């Protein structure tokens, strides 16, 4: 998996494109996390002793999923007669699409772009990144979560928003930085059980960061 926090920071970079449409940028940031939430399915399959084949980078990394999300939120907007839901859906779709494109460009595993029709795309099929680098990519997840949260803190400070949440936010940021420091050496010296512990904390972190983003929606809207 490419770092979820990195995906979110790419989402931050498109804030000028999002303009001032309410909930649009929020959707982009949230959408950047959504594709890798399919790792919940990987975790469940692993715990059940079942195959994890075809779970990650399939449904949530498909262009059909992007279209389905946009259409679903468009229908919600029509029912609620509230254009913000349509903006949220468009943002989610854009965030998911940016995530998929980034996975294609900078990561080393294939993406089932047209799932369930098949046809995995992997620009790096003939590449063999060094083992030390691939091991580092796991703890780097926490590093990029911390960097994303730090960037959110900067937005909040500039806009003077979510002041009442900053103490809690600082705890989450420090936690992610600490996990990076702890898990970096463990990635190289821990031979058994590393992925189980790392995976549990990774899933906790991605959902935590997702909900922190929702909690800080005033900051996102003011960006």
Foldseek 3Di string as FASTA:
>chain_A
DFQLLVLLVVLVVCLVVLPQQAQQSLLLNLLSLPLVLLVVVVLVCVVVVHDSPPRHQACLLELVNLVVQLVVQVVVCVVVVHCNSNSSSNNSSNNSPSNNVCCQPPHADWHQHHPPVGDTHHPNPPPDDDPLVVLLSLLVSLVSLLVSLVVLVVLCVVQVPPPVCVVVSVVLSVVSVVSSVVVSVCSPVPDPDSCVVSSVVSSVSSVVSSVVSVVRSVSSSRD
